[in-house]
Amino acid sequence: MSPWLFVALSYLLGAVPASYIAGRMARGIDLREHGSGNLGATNTFRVLGAKVAAPVMIFDILKGTFPVVAFTQWDAPRADARWALAYGAAAIVGHVFSIYMRFKGGKGVATSAGVFLGLAPVALAAGVATWLVVLKMGRMVSAASILAALVVGVMLLVTPVRLEETRYLGFAVVAFVIFAHRSNISRILKGTEPRFGKGKEPQATVAAAAVTADAEKPE
């Protein structure tokens, strides 16, 4: 099978909108119309709670790990190992610009974590540790994600990696994560960024919104 076909499959897998599906299944709502409007695990938690957000995050991570590990193994006899980078990048792009959601998606943090779980697990482990510490101290998911991405980038510089090009992908991901969180950075500087555990839409409000939306649909 052509590596380019695996690239396309990686994009299509990455584009699967787990948060959108979870919103529809759990409450019959479109997450693009609630919370931040972002189709990611963080907004899923904000609107629907941890029980729904946890499987969404796991799925988003696996969307990045599976192509990097499985597709590389399946095509190993014919393709250069560096195609793993292309598969990972395609999965991230798919998550951020989902073809199923009119090219709207999440910010790519969880899927990027999944990619580096397969490519550079040591760097990812340092990033995850940073994310947990920053989240516990400041209770800002955005700040935790930004700093975790920066730590992964630094770790890619100072730790061995199987593919040298992994560093380049890492730098690109770090730059994109910071760019994707530019509005969050602005709110952090202004002191208006929501903190973890605050600002979640009450489930009763979400349910009411779903009922209202159904009532407004033409028969």
Protein backbone atom coordinates (compact mmCIF):
# COMPACT_ATOMS: atom_id res chain seq x y z
CA MET A 1 0.00 0.00 0.00
CA SER A 2 1.32 3.46 -0.88
CA PRO A 3 2.57 5.58 2.04
CA TRP A 4 0.48 8.43 0.60
CA LEU A 5 -2.64 6.34 1.16
CA PHE A 6 -1.60 5.90 4.79
CA VAL A 7 -1.17 9.68 5.01
CA ALA A 8 -4.75 10.10 3.78
CA LEU A 9 -6.01 7.46 6.22
CA SER A 10 -4.13 9.19 9.05
CA TYR A 11 -5.88 12.45 8.21
CA LEU A 12 -9.30 10.79 8.05
CA LEU A 13 -8.72 9.05 11.38
CA GLY A 14 -7.48 12.24 13.00
CA ALA A 15 -10.52 14.07 11.68
CA VAL A 16 -13.00 11.80 13.49
CA PRO A 17 -14.72 14.30 15.87
CA ALA A 18 -14.94 12.30 19.08
CA SER A 19 -16.11 15.30 21.11
CA TYR A 20 -18.90 16.11 18.64
CA ILE A 21 -20.06 12.49 18.66
CA ALA A 22 -19.92 12.41 22.48
CA GLY A 23 -21.98 15.60 22.69
CA ARG A 24 -24.63 14.20 20.40
CA MET A 25 -24.76 10.84 22.16
CA ALA A 26 -24.61 12.12 25.74
CA ARG A 27 -26.87 15.20 25.55
CA GLY A 28 -28.01 15.57 21.96
CA ILE A 29 -26.08 18.83 21.56
CA ASP A 30 -23.55 20.30 19.15
CA LEU A 31 -20.44 21.20 21.17
CA ARG A 32 -19.59 23.87 18.61
CA GLU A 33 -22.50 25.84 20.09
CA HIS A 34 -21.49 25.47 23.74
CA GLY A 35 -18.58 26.49 25.93
CA SER A 36 -15.63 27.65 23.85
CA GLY A 37 -17.08 26.04 20.72
CA ASN A 38 -13.92 23.96 20.46
CA LEU A 39 -14.19 20.31 19.45
CA GLY A 40 -11.69 19.02 21.97
CA ALA A 41 -11.53 17.20 25.29
CA THR A 42 -11.23 20.42 27.33
CA ASN A 43 -14.48 21.87 26.02
CA THR A 44 -16.11 18.46 26.41
CA PHE A 45 -15.18 18.53 30.09
CA ARG A 46 -16.36 22.11 30.45
CA VAL A 47 -19.78 21.34 28.99
CA LEU A 48 -20.42 17.65 29.68
CA GLY A 49 -18.15 16.72 32.58
CA ALA A 50 -15.27 14.33 33.21
CA LYS A 51 -17.13 11.07 32.53
CA VAL A 52 -17.76 12.11 28.94
CA ALA A 53 -14.49 13.97 28.45
CA ALA A 54 -12.21 11.13 29.59
CA PRO A 55 -13.01 8.73 26.73
CA VAL A 56 -12.90 11.64 24.29
CA MET A 57 -9.36 12.48 25.42
CA ILE A 58 -8.26 8.84 25.21
CA PHE A 59 -9.65 8.54 21.69
CA ASP A 60 -8.00 11.80 20.61
CA ILE A 61 -4.65 10.55 21.92
CA LEU A 62 -5.02 7.21 20.15
CA LYS A 63 -5.81 9.04 16.89
CA GLY A 64 -2.21 10.25 17.01
CA THR A 65 -0.51 7.10 18.29
CA PHE A 66 -2.19 4.55 16.03
CA PRO A 67 -1.05 5.92 12.65
CA VAL A 68 2.51 6.51 13.88
CA VAL A 69 2.86 2.98 15.26
CA ALA A 70 0.53 0.79 13.22
CA PHE A 71 0.79 2.34 9.77
CA THR A 72 4.58 2.46 10.03
CA GLN A 73 4.67 -1.23 10.91
CA TRP A 74 2.27 -2.21 8.15
CA ASP A 75 4.29 -0.40 5.51
CA ALA A 76 7.74 -1.05 7.00
CA PRO A 77 9.02 -3.32 4.20
CA ARG A 78 8.53 -0.59 1.58
CA ALA A 79 8.41 2.81 3.23
CA ASP A 80 11.09 4.90 4.92
CA ALA A 81 10.56 5.07 8.70
CA ARG A 82 10.35 8.85 8.37
CA TRP A 83 6.87 8.42 6.92
CA ALA A 84 5.79 8.02 10.55
CA LEU A 85 6.25 11.77 10.88
CA ALA A 86 3.95 12.37 7.93
CA TYR A 87 1.34 10.04 9.40
CA GLY A 88 1.49 11.85 12.74
CA ALA A 89 1.33 15.29 11.15
CA ALA A 90 -1.65 14.24 9.03
CA ALA A 91 -3.51 13.01 12.12
CA ILE A 92 -2.93 16.33 13.90
CA VAL A 93 -4.08 18.32 10.87
CA GLY A 94 -7.15 16.10 10.66
CA HIS A 95 -8.07 16.80 14.26
CA VAL A 96 -7.63 20.56 13.90
CA PHE A 97 -9.25 20.81 10.45
CA SER A 98 -11.78 18.00 10.36
CA ILE A 99 -13.28 17.31 6.95
CA TYR A 100 -16.33 15.91 8.74
CA MET A 101 -16.91 19.19 10.59
CA ARG A 102 -16.40 21.64 7.71
CA PHE A 103 -12.72 21.87 8.61
CA LYS A 104 -13.32 22.89 12.20
CA GLY A 105 -11.90 20.91 15.11
CA GLY A 106 -9.86 21.09 18.29
CA LYS A 107 -6.48 22.58 19.09
CA GLY A 108 -4.59 19.35 18.56
CA VAL A 109 -2.97 18.99 21.99
CA ALA A 110 -4.22 15.48 22.82
CA THR A 111 -3.64 14.16 19.30
CA SER A 112 -0.14 15.68 19.28
CA ALA A 113 0.51 13.94 22.59
CA GLY A 114 -0.52 10.69 20.97
CA VAL A 115 1.89 11.28 18.08
CA PHE A 116 4.82 11.89 20.41
CA LEU A 117 3.82 8.92 22.53
CA GLY A 118 4.78 6.88 19.50
CA LEU A 119 7.76 8.97 18.36
CA ALA A 120 9.39 10.40 21.51
CA PRO A 121 7.88 8.94 24.70
CA VAL A 122 10.55 10.41 27.01
CA ALA A 123 9.88 13.95 25.81
CA LEU A 124 6.14 13.35 26.07
CA ALA A 125 6.48 12.04 29.64
CA ALA A 126 8.19 15.29 30.65
CA GLY A 127 5.43 17.25 28.92
CA VAL A 128 2.68 15.30 30.67
CA ALA A 129 4.36 15.82 34.05
CA THR A 130 4.54 19.55 33.34
CA TRP A 131 0.90 19.62 32.28
CA LEU A 132 -0.22 17.94 35.50
CA VAL A 133 1.88 20.18 37.76
CA VAL A 134 0.83 23.42 36.05
CA LEU A 135 -2.81 22.35 35.99
CA LYS A 136 -2.74 21.52 39.71
CA MET A 137 -1.05 24.80 40.61
CA GLY A 138 -2.90 27.20 38.34
CA ARG A 139 -6.00 25.22 37.26
CA MET A 140 -5.70 26.58 33.72
CA VAL A 141 -5.80 23.92 31.03
CA SER A 142 -4.58 26.39 28.39
CA ALA A 143 -1.52 27.43 30.40
CA ALA A 144 -0.75 23.79 31.19
CA SER A 145 -0.99 22.86 27.51
CA ILE A 146 1.25 25.72 26.36
CA LEU A 147 3.96 25.04 28.94
CA ALA A 148 3.77 21.28 28.35
CA ALA A 149 4.29 21.85 24.62
CA LEU A 150 7.31 24.05 25.33
CA VAL A 151 8.80 21.37 27.61
CA VAL A 152 8.32 18.72 24.92
CA GLY A 153 10.13 20.98 22.46
CA VAL A 154 13.06 21.45 24.85
CA MET A 155 13.21 17.74 25.65
CA LEU A 156 13.36 16.92 21.95
CA LEU A 157 16.53 19.01 21.82
CA VAL A 158 18.29 17.36 24.75
CA THR A 159 17.16 13.73 24.55
CA PRO A 160 17.93 11.10 21.91
CA VAL A 161 15.25 10.42 19.29
CA ARG A 162 15.01 7.60 16.81
CA LEU A 163 14.35 9.94 13.90
CA GLU A 164 16.17 13.27 13.77
CA GLU A 165 13.26 14.82 11.89
CA THR A 166 11.08 14.23 14.96
CA ARG A 167 12.64 17.39 16.39
CA TYR A 168 11.40 19.43 13.43
CA LEU A 169 7.88 18.07 13.80
CA GLY A 170 8.06 18.86 17.50
CA PHE A 171 9.04 22.47 16.89
CA ALA A 172 6.22 22.86 14.37
CA VAL A 173 3.71 21.43 16.85
CA VAL A 174 4.96 23.70 19.66
CA ALA A 175 4.60 26.74 17.41
CA PHE A 176 1.10 25.68 16.36
CA VAL A 177 -0.04 24.97 19.94
CA ILE A 178 1.06 28.46 20.99
CA PHE A 179 -0.63 30.00 17.95
CA ALA A 180 -3.85 28.03 18.57
CA HIS A 181 -3.91 29.31 22.16
CA ARG A 182 -3.30 32.97 21.26
CA SER A 183 -6.75 34.01 22.53
CA ASN A 184 -6.14 32.06 25.74
CA ILE A 185 -2.80 33.82 26.20
CA SER A 186 -4.56 37.15 25.84
CA ARG A 187 -7.11 36.18 28.50
CA ILE A 188 -4.38 34.87 30.81
CA LEU A 189 -2.59 38.22 30.60
CA LYS A 190 -5.88 40.01 31.33
CA GLY A 191 -6.71 37.65 34.20
CA THR A 192 -9.95 36.47 32.60
CA GLU A 193 -8.99 32.93 31.53
CA PRO A 194 -11.39 30.31 32.99
CA ARG A 195 -9.87 27.94 35.52
CA PHE A 196 -10.29 24.18 35.71
CA GLY A 197 -13.43 23.29 37.63
CA LYS A 198 -15.07 26.65 37.00
CA GLY A 199 -17.27 27.84 34.22
CA LYS A 200 -18.67 24.44 33.26
CA GLU A 201 -22.14 24.75 31.84
CA PRO A 202 -24.67 23.15 34.19
CA GLN A 203 -25.99 19.95 32.68
CA ALA A 204 -29.53 21.19 33.20
CA THR A 205 -28.71 24.19 31.02
CA VAL A 206 -27.23 21.94 28.37
CA ALA A 207 -30.25 19.67 28.42
CA ALA A 208 -32.56 22.66 28.17
CA ALA A 209 -30.63 23.98 25.21
CA ALA A 210 -30.95 20.61 23.50
CA VAL A 211 -34.71 20.52 24.11
CA THR A 212 -35.07 24.08 22.80
CA ALA A 213 -33.09 23.24 19.70
CA ASP A 214 -35.30 20.21 19.04
CA ALA A 215 -38.43 22.30 19.53
CA GLU A 216 -37.23 24.86 17.01
CA LYS A 217 -36.62 22.26 14.29
CA PRO A 218 -39.24 22.36 11.52
CA GLU A 219 -41.47 19.33 11.42
